N, C-alpha and C. Protein backbone atom coordinates (compact mmCIF):
# COMPACT_ATOMS: atom_id res chain seq x y z
N MET A 1 38.81 6.85 1.49
CA MET A 1 38.85 7.53 0.20
C MET A 1 40.27 7.45 -0.37
N ASP A 2 40.36 7.24 -1.67
CA ASP A 2 41.65 7.16 -2.33
C ASP A 2 42.41 8.47 -2.16
N ALA A 3 43.73 8.37 -1.96
CA ALA A 3 44.55 9.56 -1.70
C ALA A 3 44.52 10.55 -2.86
N SER A 4 44.56 10.03 -4.09
CA SER A 4 44.53 10.92 -5.25
C SER A 4 43.21 11.66 -5.37
N LEU A 5 42.10 10.94 -5.10
CA LEU A 5 40.78 11.57 -5.15
C LEU A 5 40.65 12.63 -4.06
N LEU A 6 41.17 12.33 -2.88
CA LEU A 6 41.16 13.30 -1.79
C LEU A 6 41.96 14.54 -2.16
N ALA A 7 43.13 14.34 -2.78
CA ALA A 7 43.96 15.46 -3.21
C ALA A 7 43.24 16.31 -4.24
N LEU A 8 42.57 15.65 -5.18
CA LEU A 8 41.84 16.38 -6.24
C LEU A 8 40.71 17.20 -5.64
N ILE A 9 39.90 16.58 -4.79
CA ILE A 9 38.75 17.28 -4.20
C ILE A 9 39.20 18.41 -3.29
N SER A 10 40.22 18.16 -2.47
CA SER A 10 40.74 19.19 -1.56
C SER A 10 41.28 20.38 -2.33
N THR A 11 42.03 20.10 -3.38
CA THR A 11 42.60 21.18 -4.19
C THR A 11 41.52 21.98 -4.88
N PHE A 12 40.56 21.27 -5.47
CA PHE A 12 39.46 21.95 -6.17
C PHE A 12 38.72 22.89 -5.22
N ALA A 13 38.37 22.38 -4.04
CA ALA A 13 37.60 23.18 -3.07
C ALA A 13 38.39 24.39 -2.60
N LEU A 14 39.67 24.19 -2.29
CA LEU A 14 40.48 25.29 -1.77
C LEU A 14 40.73 26.35 -2.84
N VAL A 15 41.13 25.94 -4.03
CA VAL A 15 41.41 26.90 -5.10
C VAL A 15 40.13 27.63 -5.51
N LEU A 16 39.00 26.92 -5.55
CA LEU A 16 37.73 27.57 -5.89
C LEU A 16 37.38 28.64 -4.87
N ALA A 17 37.54 28.32 -3.59
CA ALA A 17 37.25 29.29 -2.53
C ALA A 17 38.17 30.50 -2.59
N VAL A 18 39.43 30.26 -2.96
CA VAL A 18 40.41 31.34 -3.04
C VAL A 18 40.15 32.23 -4.25
N GLU A 19 39.82 31.64 -5.39
CA GLU A 19 39.73 32.39 -6.64
C GLU A 19 38.37 33.00 -6.92
N LEU A 20 37.31 32.46 -6.31
CA LEU A 20 35.98 33.00 -6.61
C LEU A 20 35.86 34.49 -6.31
N PRO A 21 36.39 34.96 -5.16
CA PRO A 21 36.31 36.40 -4.90
C PRO A 21 37.56 37.16 -5.33
N ASP A 22 38.48 36.50 -6.00
CA ASP A 22 39.78 37.10 -6.28
C ASP A 22 39.78 37.81 -7.63
N LYS A 23 40.94 38.36 -7.98
CA LYS A 23 41.07 39.12 -9.22
C LYS A 23 40.89 38.27 -10.47
N THR A 24 40.97 36.94 -10.34
CA THR A 24 40.73 36.08 -11.49
C THR A 24 39.34 36.29 -12.05
N LEU A 25 38.34 36.28 -11.15
CA LEU A 25 36.97 36.48 -11.60
C LEU A 25 36.78 37.88 -12.17
N VAL A 26 37.30 38.88 -11.47
CA VAL A 26 37.13 40.27 -11.91
C VAL A 26 37.82 40.50 -13.25
N ALA A 27 39.05 39.99 -13.39
CA ALA A 27 39.80 40.19 -14.63
C ALA A 27 39.09 39.51 -15.81
N THR A 28 38.61 38.29 -15.58
CA THR A 28 37.89 37.58 -16.65
C THR A 28 36.60 38.30 -16.99
N LEU A 29 35.92 38.80 -15.97
CA LEU A 29 34.69 39.56 -16.18
C LEU A 29 34.95 40.79 -17.05
N VAL A 30 35.99 41.54 -16.71
CA VAL A 30 36.33 42.75 -17.46
C VAL A 30 36.71 42.40 -18.90
N LEU A 31 37.50 41.35 -19.07
CA LEU A 31 37.89 40.94 -20.42
C LEU A 31 36.68 40.53 -21.25
N THR A 32 35.71 39.87 -20.61
CA THR A 32 34.52 39.43 -21.33
C THR A 32 33.67 40.61 -21.77
N THR A 33 33.69 41.71 -21.00
CA THR A 33 32.93 42.89 -21.41
C THR A 33 33.62 43.65 -22.54
N ARG A 34 34.91 43.37 -22.72
CA ARG A 34 35.66 44.08 -23.77
C ARG A 34 35.82 43.26 -25.04
N PHE A 35 35.90 41.94 -24.89
CA PHE A 35 36.07 41.05 -26.04
C PHE A 35 34.96 40.00 -26.03
N ARG A 36 34.88 39.20 -27.10
CA ARG A 36 33.91 38.12 -27.15
C ARG A 36 34.28 37.04 -26.13
N ALA A 37 33.26 36.35 -25.64
CA ALA A 37 33.45 35.40 -24.54
C ALA A 37 34.35 34.22 -24.91
N TRP A 38 34.16 33.63 -26.09
CA TRP A 38 34.89 32.41 -26.43
C TRP A 38 36.41 32.61 -26.49
N PRO A 39 36.93 33.65 -27.18
CA PRO A 39 38.38 33.84 -27.16
C PRO A 39 38.93 34.19 -25.77
N VAL A 40 38.14 34.90 -24.97
CA VAL A 40 38.57 35.20 -23.60
C VAL A 40 38.72 33.91 -22.81
N PHE A 41 37.71 33.04 -22.90
CA PHE A 41 37.74 31.78 -22.17
C PHE A 41 38.90 30.91 -22.64
N THR A 42 39.17 30.92 -23.95
CA THR A 42 40.29 30.15 -24.49
C THR A 42 41.62 30.66 -23.93
N GLY A 43 41.80 31.97 -23.95
CA GLY A 43 43.05 32.57 -23.47
C GLY A 43 43.30 32.31 -22.00
N VAL A 44 42.25 32.48 -21.18
CA VAL A 44 42.45 32.27 -19.74
C VAL A 44 42.65 30.79 -19.42
N THR A 45 42.03 29.91 -20.20
CA THR A 45 42.21 28.47 -19.99
C THR A 45 43.66 28.06 -20.21
N VAL A 46 44.26 28.56 -21.29
CA VAL A 46 45.67 28.25 -21.57
C VAL A 46 46.56 28.83 -20.48
N ALA A 47 46.26 30.05 -20.03
CA ALA A 47 47.05 30.67 -18.96
C ALA A 47 46.97 29.84 -17.69
N PHE A 48 45.79 29.37 -17.34
CA PHE A 48 45.63 28.55 -16.14
C PHE A 48 46.38 27.23 -16.27
N GLY A 49 46.35 26.65 -17.47
CA GLY A 49 47.05 25.40 -17.69
C GLY A 49 48.55 25.53 -17.45
N VAL A 50 49.13 26.61 -17.98
CA VAL A 50 50.56 26.85 -17.80
C VAL A 50 50.89 27.10 -16.33
N GLN A 51 50.07 27.93 -15.67
CA GLN A 51 50.31 28.25 -14.27
C GLN A 51 50.22 27.01 -13.38
N CYS A 52 49.23 26.17 -13.64
CA CYS A 52 49.08 24.94 -12.85
C CYS A 52 50.26 24.00 -13.07
N ALA A 53 50.71 23.90 -14.31
CA ALA A 53 51.85 23.02 -14.61
C ALA A 53 53.10 23.48 -13.87
N VAL A 54 53.34 24.80 -13.86
CA VAL A 54 54.51 25.34 -13.16
C VAL A 54 54.40 25.08 -11.65
N ALA A 55 53.21 25.31 -11.08
CA ALA A 55 53.02 25.12 -9.65
C ALA A 55 53.18 23.65 -9.25
N VAL A 56 52.61 22.75 -10.06
CA VAL A 56 52.70 21.32 -9.76
C VAL A 56 54.15 20.84 -9.87
N LEU A 57 54.85 21.32 -10.89
CA LEU A 57 56.26 20.94 -11.06
C LEU A 57 57.09 21.39 -9.86
N PHE A 58 56.85 22.62 -9.40
CA PHE A 58 57.56 23.14 -8.24
C PHE A 58 57.25 22.31 -7.00
N GLY A 59 55.96 21.99 -6.81
CA GLY A 59 55.56 21.19 -5.67
C GLY A 59 56.11 19.78 -5.73
N HIS A 60 56.20 19.21 -6.94
CA HIS A 60 56.74 17.85 -7.11
C HIS A 60 58.23 17.82 -6.75
N VAL A 61 58.95 18.86 -7.14
CA VAL A 61 60.38 18.95 -6.79
C VAL A 61 60.53 19.06 -5.27
N LEU A 62 59.63 19.84 -4.65
CA LEU A 62 59.66 19.98 -3.19
C LEU A 62 59.50 18.63 -2.50
N ALA A 63 58.63 17.78 -3.08
CA ALA A 63 58.33 16.49 -2.45
C ALA A 63 59.54 15.57 -2.41
N LEU A 64 60.57 15.85 -3.23
CA LEU A 64 61.77 15.03 -3.24
C LEU A 64 62.72 15.36 -2.08
N LEU A 65 62.46 16.47 -1.41
CA LEU A 65 63.31 16.90 -0.30
C LEU A 65 62.92 16.14 0.98
N PRO A 66 63.75 16.22 2.03
CA PRO A 66 63.41 15.58 3.31
C PRO A 66 62.07 16.09 3.85
N GLU A 67 61.39 15.25 4.62
CA GLU A 67 60.03 15.53 5.08
C GLU A 67 59.92 16.83 5.86
N ASN A 68 60.88 17.08 6.76
CA ASN A 68 60.79 18.31 7.56
C ASN A 68 61.02 19.56 6.71
N VAL A 69 61.87 19.45 5.68
CA VAL A 69 62.11 20.58 4.78
C VAL A 69 60.85 20.86 3.96
N VAL A 70 60.22 19.78 3.45
CA VAL A 70 58.99 19.93 2.68
C VAL A 70 57.91 20.61 3.52
N ALA A 71 57.74 20.13 4.75
CA ALA A 71 56.73 20.71 5.64
C ALA A 71 57.02 22.19 5.90
N GLY A 72 58.30 22.52 6.07
CA GLY A 72 58.68 23.92 6.30
C GLY A 72 58.36 24.80 5.11
N VAL A 73 58.70 24.32 3.91
CA VAL A 73 58.42 25.11 2.70
C VAL A 73 56.92 25.23 2.48
N VAL A 74 56.17 24.14 2.72
CA VAL A 74 54.72 24.20 2.59
C VAL A 74 54.13 25.22 3.57
N ALA A 75 54.67 25.25 4.79
CA ALA A 75 54.21 26.23 5.78
C ALA A 75 54.44 27.65 5.29
N VAL A 76 55.61 27.88 4.68
CA VAL A 76 55.92 29.21 4.14
C VAL A 76 54.98 29.56 3.00
N LEU A 77 54.73 28.60 2.09
CA LEU A 77 53.84 28.85 0.95
C LEU A 77 52.42 29.21 1.42
N PHE A 78 51.90 28.41 2.36
CA PHE A 78 50.56 28.70 2.86
C PHE A 78 50.55 29.99 3.68
N GLY A 79 51.64 30.27 4.38
CA GLY A 79 51.73 31.52 5.12
C GLY A 79 51.69 32.73 4.20
N LEU A 80 52.43 32.65 3.09
CA LEU A 80 52.39 33.72 2.09
C LEU A 80 50.99 33.87 1.51
N GLY A 81 50.36 32.73 1.22
CA GLY A 81 49.00 32.77 0.70
C GLY A 81 48.04 33.42 1.67
N ALA A 82 48.18 33.09 2.96
CA ALA A 82 47.33 33.70 3.98
C ALA A 82 47.51 35.21 4.04
N VAL A 83 48.76 35.65 3.97
CA VAL A 83 49.05 37.09 4.01
C VAL A 83 48.41 37.79 2.81
N LEU A 84 48.57 37.20 1.61
CA LEU A 84 48.00 37.80 0.40
C LEU A 84 46.48 37.90 0.50
N LEU A 85 45.84 36.82 0.92
CA LEU A 85 44.38 36.80 1.00
C LEU A 85 43.84 37.74 2.07
N LEU A 86 44.46 37.72 3.25
CA LEU A 86 43.97 38.57 4.33
C LEU A 86 44.22 40.05 4.03
N ARG A 87 45.34 40.34 3.37
CA ARG A 87 45.60 41.73 3.00
C ARG A 87 44.54 42.25 2.05
N GLU A 88 44.17 41.40 1.04
CA GLU A 88 43.14 41.82 0.09
C GLU A 88 41.76 41.80 0.73
N GLY A 89 41.53 40.83 1.64
CA GLY A 89 40.23 40.70 2.28
C GLY A 89 39.90 41.85 3.21
N PHE A 90 40.93 42.44 3.83
CA PHE A 90 40.72 43.54 4.76
C PHE A 90 41.06 44.90 4.16
N SER A 91 41.46 44.90 2.89
CA SER A 91 41.82 46.15 2.22
C SER A 91 40.57 46.96 1.93
N THR A 92 40.69 48.28 2.06
CA THR A 92 39.57 49.16 1.75
C THR A 92 39.77 49.86 0.41
N VAL A 93 40.87 49.55 -0.28
CA VAL A 93 41.16 50.18 -1.56
C VAL A 93 40.38 49.48 -2.66
N ARG A 94 39.73 50.23 -3.52
CA ARG A 94 38.97 49.67 -4.63
C ARG A 94 39.71 49.97 -5.92
N ASP A 95 39.70 48.99 -6.82
CA ASP A 95 40.32 49.24 -8.12
C ASP A 95 39.27 49.72 -9.10
N GLY A 96 39.66 49.95 -10.32
CA GLY A 96 38.74 50.47 -11.34
C GLY A 96 38.08 49.40 -12.16
N SER A 97 38.02 48.18 -11.68
CA SER A 97 37.49 47.07 -12.47
C SER A 97 36.02 47.26 -12.80
N GLU A 98 35.23 47.76 -11.81
CA GLU A 98 33.81 47.93 -12.07
C GLU A 98 33.56 48.96 -13.16
N ASP A 99 34.34 50.05 -13.13
CA ASP A 99 34.18 51.07 -14.15
C ASP A 99 34.59 50.55 -15.51
N ALA A 100 35.69 49.78 -15.53
CA ALA A 100 36.16 49.24 -16.80
C ALA A 100 35.18 48.26 -17.39
N ALA A 101 34.40 47.60 -16.55
CA ALA A 101 33.46 46.59 -17.02
C ALA A 101 32.27 47.19 -17.76
N ARG A 102 32.10 48.50 -17.68
CA ARG A 102 30.96 49.14 -18.32
C ARG A 102 31.18 49.37 -19.81
N SER A 103 32.41 49.30 -20.26
CA SER A 103 32.66 49.52 -21.68
C SER A 103 32.23 48.29 -22.46
N GLY A 104 31.73 48.48 -23.66
CA GLY A 104 31.18 47.39 -24.46
C GLY A 104 32.24 46.54 -25.13
N PRO A 105 31.80 45.38 -25.70
CA PRO A 105 32.74 44.49 -26.38
C PRO A 105 33.39 45.17 -27.59
N ARG A 106 34.64 44.86 -27.83
CA ARG A 106 35.36 45.44 -28.95
C ARG A 106 35.47 44.44 -30.09
N PRO A 107 35.36 44.90 -31.35
CA PRO A 107 35.50 44.00 -32.50
C PRO A 107 36.97 43.68 -32.77
N VAL A 108 37.50 42.69 -32.09
CA VAL A 108 38.91 42.32 -32.21
C VAL A 108 38.97 40.86 -32.67
N THR A 109 40.06 40.49 -33.35
CA THR A 109 40.20 39.12 -33.84
C THR A 109 40.26 38.12 -32.69
N PHE A 110 39.91 36.88 -32.99
CA PHE A 110 39.93 35.81 -31.99
C PHE A 110 41.32 35.67 -31.38
N PHE A 111 42.34 35.63 -32.23
CA PHE A 111 43.71 35.42 -31.75
C PHE A 111 44.15 36.55 -30.83
N ARG A 112 43.87 37.78 -31.22
CA ARG A 112 44.29 38.92 -30.40
C ARG A 112 43.55 38.93 -29.06
N SER A 113 42.26 38.64 -29.09
CA SER A 113 41.49 38.59 -27.85
C SER A 113 42.01 37.50 -26.92
N ALA A 114 42.27 36.32 -27.49
CA ALA A 114 42.76 35.20 -26.69
C ALA A 114 44.14 35.50 -26.14
N LEU A 115 45.00 36.10 -26.97
CA LEU A 115 46.36 36.41 -26.54
C LEU A 115 46.36 37.46 -25.42
N THR A 116 45.51 38.47 -25.56
CA THR A 116 45.39 39.49 -24.53
C THR A 116 44.90 38.88 -23.22
N SER A 117 43.89 38.01 -23.33
CA SER A 117 43.34 37.35 -22.15
C SER A 117 44.39 36.47 -21.48
N PHE A 118 45.15 35.75 -22.30
CA PHE A 118 46.23 34.91 -21.76
C PHE A 118 47.23 35.76 -20.99
N GLY A 119 47.66 36.86 -21.58
CA GLY A 119 48.66 37.72 -20.94
C GLY A 119 48.18 38.31 -19.63
N VAL A 120 46.93 38.78 -19.62
CA VAL A 120 46.38 39.41 -18.41
C VAL A 120 46.28 38.40 -17.28
N LEU A 121 45.71 37.22 -17.57
CA LEU A 121 45.52 36.22 -16.50
C LEU A 121 46.83 35.57 -16.09
N PHE A 122 47.75 35.39 -17.05
CA PHE A 122 49.05 34.80 -16.71
C PHE A 122 49.79 35.70 -15.74
N ALA A 123 49.76 37.00 -16.02
CA ALA A 123 50.43 37.97 -15.12
C ALA A 123 49.71 38.07 -13.78
N ALA A 124 48.38 38.04 -13.82
CA ALA A 124 47.60 38.20 -12.58
C ALA A 124 47.78 37.01 -11.65
N GLU A 125 47.92 35.81 -12.21
CA GLU A 125 47.99 34.60 -11.40
C GLU A 125 49.40 34.25 -10.93
N TRP A 126 50.43 34.89 -11.51
CA TRP A 126 51.80 34.52 -11.16
C TRP A 126 52.09 34.84 -9.69
N GLY A 127 52.44 33.82 -8.92
CA GLY A 127 52.73 34.01 -7.51
C GLY A 127 51.48 34.26 -6.68
N ASP A 128 50.30 33.97 -7.25
CA ASP A 128 49.05 34.20 -6.55
C ASP A 128 48.83 33.12 -5.49
N ALA A 129 47.85 33.35 -4.62
CA ALA A 129 47.58 32.41 -3.54
C ALA A 129 47.23 31.02 -4.06
N SER A 130 46.48 30.96 -5.16
CA SER A 130 46.10 29.65 -5.70
C SER A 130 47.30 28.89 -6.24
N GLN A 131 48.26 29.60 -6.81
CA GLN A 131 49.46 28.94 -7.32
C GLN A 131 50.31 28.43 -6.16
N LEU A 132 50.40 29.22 -5.10
CA LEU A 132 51.12 28.78 -3.91
C LEU A 132 50.43 27.56 -3.29
N ALA A 133 49.10 27.59 -3.27
CA ALA A 133 48.35 26.45 -2.72
C ALA A 133 48.57 25.20 -3.55
N THR A 134 48.58 25.34 -4.86
CA THR A 134 48.78 24.19 -5.75
C THR A 134 50.15 23.57 -5.51
N ALA A 135 51.17 24.40 -5.39
CA ALA A 135 52.52 23.88 -5.13
C ALA A 135 52.57 23.21 -3.76
N GLY A 136 51.97 23.85 -2.76
CA GLY A 136 51.98 23.30 -1.41
C GLY A 136 51.23 21.98 -1.31
N LEU A 137 50.08 21.90 -1.94
CA LEU A 137 49.28 20.67 -1.90
C LEU A 137 49.95 19.54 -2.68
N THR A 138 50.65 19.89 -3.76
CA THR A 138 51.39 18.87 -4.51
C THR A 138 52.46 18.25 -3.64
N ALA A 139 53.19 19.10 -2.91
CA ALA A 139 54.24 18.60 -2.02
C ALA A 139 53.65 17.80 -0.86
N ARG A 140 52.50 18.24 -0.38
CA ARG A 140 51.89 17.59 0.78
C ARG A 140 51.29 16.22 0.44
N TYR A 141 50.54 16.15 -0.65
CA TYR A 141 49.86 14.91 -1.00
C TYR A 141 50.71 13.96 -1.84
N GLY A 142 51.71 14.51 -2.55
CA GLY A 142 52.52 13.67 -3.42
C GLY A 142 51.73 13.11 -4.58
N ALA A 143 50.70 13.83 -5.01
CA ALA A 143 49.85 13.40 -6.12
C ALA A 143 49.75 14.56 -7.11
N PRO A 144 50.81 14.80 -7.88
CA PRO A 144 50.85 15.98 -8.74
C PRO A 144 49.74 16.05 -9.79
N VAL A 145 49.40 14.91 -10.38
CA VAL A 145 48.36 14.92 -11.42
C VAL A 145 47.01 15.29 -10.81
N ALA A 146 46.67 14.67 -9.69
CA ALA A 146 45.38 14.93 -9.05
C ALA A 146 45.29 16.39 -8.59
N VAL A 147 46.35 16.91 -8.00
CA VAL A 147 46.35 18.30 -7.55
C VAL A 147 46.26 19.25 -8.74
N GLY A 148 47.02 18.95 -9.80
CA GLY A 148 46.98 19.79 -11.00
C GLY A 148 45.61 19.83 -11.63
N VAL A 149 44.96 18.67 -11.73
CA VAL A 149 43.62 18.60 -12.30
C VAL A 149 42.62 19.34 -11.42
N GLY A 150 42.74 19.18 -10.11
CA GLY A 150 41.84 19.88 -9.19
C GLY A 150 41.97 21.39 -9.29
N ALA A 151 43.21 21.87 -9.31
CA ALA A 151 43.46 23.32 -9.40
C ALA A 151 42.98 23.88 -10.74
N PHE A 152 43.29 23.15 -11.81
CA PHE A 152 42.90 23.60 -13.15
C PHE A 152 41.38 23.64 -13.28
N ALA A 153 40.70 22.60 -12.77
CA ALA A 153 39.24 22.55 -12.84
C ALA A 153 38.61 23.69 -12.06
N ALA A 154 39.18 24.01 -10.90
CA ALA A 154 38.65 25.11 -10.10
C ALA A 154 38.82 26.45 -10.81
N LEU A 155 39.98 26.66 -11.40
CA LEU A 155 40.23 27.91 -12.13
C LEU A 155 39.30 28.05 -13.33
N ILE A 156 39.08 26.95 -14.03
CA ILE A 156 38.19 26.98 -15.19
C ILE A 156 36.75 27.24 -14.73
N ALA A 157 36.37 26.66 -13.59
CA ALA A 157 35.03 26.90 -13.06
C ALA A 157 34.81 28.38 -12.75
N VAL A 158 35.83 29.00 -12.15
CA VAL A 158 35.73 30.44 -11.84
C VAL A 158 35.64 31.26 -13.11
N ALA A 159 36.47 30.92 -14.09
CA ALA A 159 36.43 31.64 -15.37
C ALA A 159 35.08 31.45 -16.05
N GLY A 160 34.53 30.24 -15.96
CA GLY A 160 33.22 29.98 -16.56
C GLY A 160 32.12 30.80 -15.91
N VAL A 161 32.18 30.92 -14.59
CA VAL A 161 31.20 31.73 -13.88
C VAL A 161 31.28 33.18 -14.34
N ALA A 162 32.51 33.69 -14.46
CA ALA A 162 32.70 35.09 -14.88
C ALA A 162 32.19 35.31 -16.29
N VAL A 163 32.49 34.37 -17.18
CA VAL A 163 32.09 34.53 -18.58
C VAL A 163 30.58 34.39 -18.74
N LEU A 164 29.98 33.42 -18.07
CA LEU A 164 28.55 33.14 -18.26
C LEU A 164 27.65 34.12 -17.52
N LEU A 165 27.99 34.45 -16.29
CA LEU A 165 27.10 35.29 -15.50
C LEU A 165 27.48 36.76 -15.48
N GLY A 166 28.74 37.04 -15.83
CA GLY A 166 29.17 38.44 -15.91
C GLY A 166 29.03 39.18 -14.61
N GLN A 167 28.61 40.42 -14.71
CA GLN A 167 28.62 41.30 -13.56
C GLN A 167 27.61 40.93 -12.49
N LYS A 168 26.59 40.12 -12.82
CA LYS A 168 25.56 39.76 -11.85
C LYS A 168 26.13 39.02 -10.65
N ILE A 169 27.18 38.25 -10.87
CA ILE A 169 27.76 37.47 -9.77
C ILE A 169 28.31 38.36 -8.67
N ARG A 170 28.71 39.57 -9.02
CA ARG A 170 29.30 40.47 -8.03
C ARG A 170 28.30 40.89 -6.97
N SER A 171 27.03 40.94 -7.33
CA SER A 171 26.00 41.38 -6.37
C SER A 171 25.49 40.24 -5.50
N ARG A 172 25.88 39.01 -5.79
CA ARG A 172 25.36 37.86 -5.05
C ARG A 172 26.36 37.27 -4.05
N ILE A 173 27.58 37.73 -4.07
CA ILE A 173 28.57 37.21 -3.13
C ILE A 173 29.24 38.37 -2.40
N GLN A 174 29.88 38.07 -1.32
CA GLN A 174 30.66 39.06 -0.59
C GLN A 174 32.13 38.66 -0.74
N PRO A 175 32.81 39.18 -1.77
CA PRO A 175 34.17 38.75 -2.07
C PRO A 175 35.14 38.88 -0.90
N ARG A 176 35.06 39.97 -0.16
CA ARG A 176 36.04 40.18 0.92
C ARG A 176 35.84 39.18 2.06
N LEU A 177 34.58 38.81 2.33
CA LEU A 177 34.32 37.84 3.39
C LEU A 177 34.91 36.48 3.01
N ILE A 178 34.70 36.06 1.75
CA ILE A 178 35.24 34.78 1.30
C ILE A 178 36.77 34.82 1.32
N GLN A 179 37.36 35.96 0.94
CA GLN A 179 38.82 36.09 0.98
C GLN A 179 39.34 35.95 2.40
N ARG A 180 38.62 36.52 3.36
CA ARG A 180 39.05 36.43 4.76
C ARG A 180 38.98 34.99 5.26
N ILE A 181 37.89 34.31 4.93
CA ILE A 181 37.75 32.90 5.33
C ILE A 181 38.87 32.06 4.73
N ALA A 182 39.13 32.27 3.42
CA ALA A 182 40.20 31.53 2.75
C ALA A 182 41.56 31.87 3.35
N GLY A 183 41.74 33.14 3.72
CA GLY A 183 43.01 33.56 4.33
C GLY A 183 43.25 32.87 5.66
N PHE A 184 42.21 32.79 6.49
CA PHE A 184 42.35 32.10 7.78
C PHE A 184 42.56 30.59 7.58
N THR A 185 41.94 30.04 6.53
CA THR A 185 42.16 28.62 6.21
C THR A 185 43.61 28.38 5.84
N PHE A 186 44.18 29.27 5.03
CA PHE A 186 45.59 29.17 4.65
C PHE A 186 46.47 29.28 5.89
N ALA A 187 46.11 30.18 6.79
CA ALA A 187 46.92 30.36 8.00
C ALA A 187 46.91 29.09 8.85
N CYS A 188 45.74 28.45 8.96
CA CYS A 188 45.64 27.19 9.71
C CYS A 188 46.48 26.10 9.05
N LEU A 189 46.42 26.01 7.72
CA LEU A 189 47.22 25.01 6.99
C LEU A 189 48.71 25.29 7.18
N ALA A 190 49.08 26.55 7.23
CA ALA A 190 50.49 26.91 7.45
C ALA A 190 50.94 26.47 8.84
N LEU A 191 50.08 26.65 9.84
CA LEU A 191 50.43 26.24 11.21
C LEU A 191 50.56 24.72 11.31
N VAL A 192 49.65 23.99 10.64
CA VAL A 192 49.72 22.53 10.64
C VAL A 192 51.03 22.06 10.01
N ALA A 193 51.37 22.66 8.86
CA ALA A 193 52.61 22.29 8.18
C ALA A 193 53.83 22.65 9.01
N LEU A 194 53.77 23.79 9.70
CA LEU A 194 54.87 24.21 10.57
C LEU A 194 55.05 23.22 11.71
N TRP A 195 53.95 22.77 12.30
CA TRP A 195 54.01 21.78 13.37
C TRP A 195 54.63 20.48 12.87
N GLN A 196 54.26 20.07 11.64
CA GLN A 196 54.83 18.86 11.05
C GLN A 196 56.34 19.02 10.84
N ALA A 197 56.74 20.21 10.42
CA ALA A 197 58.17 20.46 10.18
C ALA A 197 58.95 20.39 11.48
N VAL A 198 58.41 20.98 12.55
CA VAL A 198 59.10 20.98 13.84
C VAL A 198 59.13 19.59 14.45
N SER A 199 58.02 18.87 14.37
CA SER A 199 57.95 17.52 14.98
C SER A 199 58.79 16.50 14.22
N ALA A 200 59.11 16.80 12.94
CA ALA A 200 59.92 15.85 12.15
C ALA A 200 61.41 16.02 12.38
N ILE A 201 61.80 17.07 13.10
CA ILE A 201 63.23 17.31 13.36
C ILE A 201 63.76 16.33 14.41
């Protein structure tokens, strides 16, 4: 399989698994119940595009460093991602997202709805596990465009699910279980990268 295609598919699968049970889906769901779907989807799409570009750029810069340094930084990024996911996956604290989702759509302009959605998702995704994964995979595969497209497509897929299916999706999945699986996956990737960093010395 071509390296770029492998990078794209791997990134898409990992980011999708990380974000499906994460606050991205919940935040988009809540925004859709408060505003019209199309401006919400537009706002979150732009936010995801900016976040992916920043993560890919960071990962591309990492790839210019020596191999053992890159592997070490990738290990740290995936380690942080694992901590974030496992902390949320095993947390018993519930937020007020479900209650907020019960309020009806508000008659707000397209621009204001899109801008609000952009701000909420941009803030929610900054330093998130998916952004760390995107940077780490960019450094690992050395295919920034493929990784960026894979991450962006996965984020858009999650947003689409939230906008189209709304609250029904919450009853069909077990978000914490998926977060735990993704967290352990990140931990394994961190260990592999750490081994590469040590063996390259």
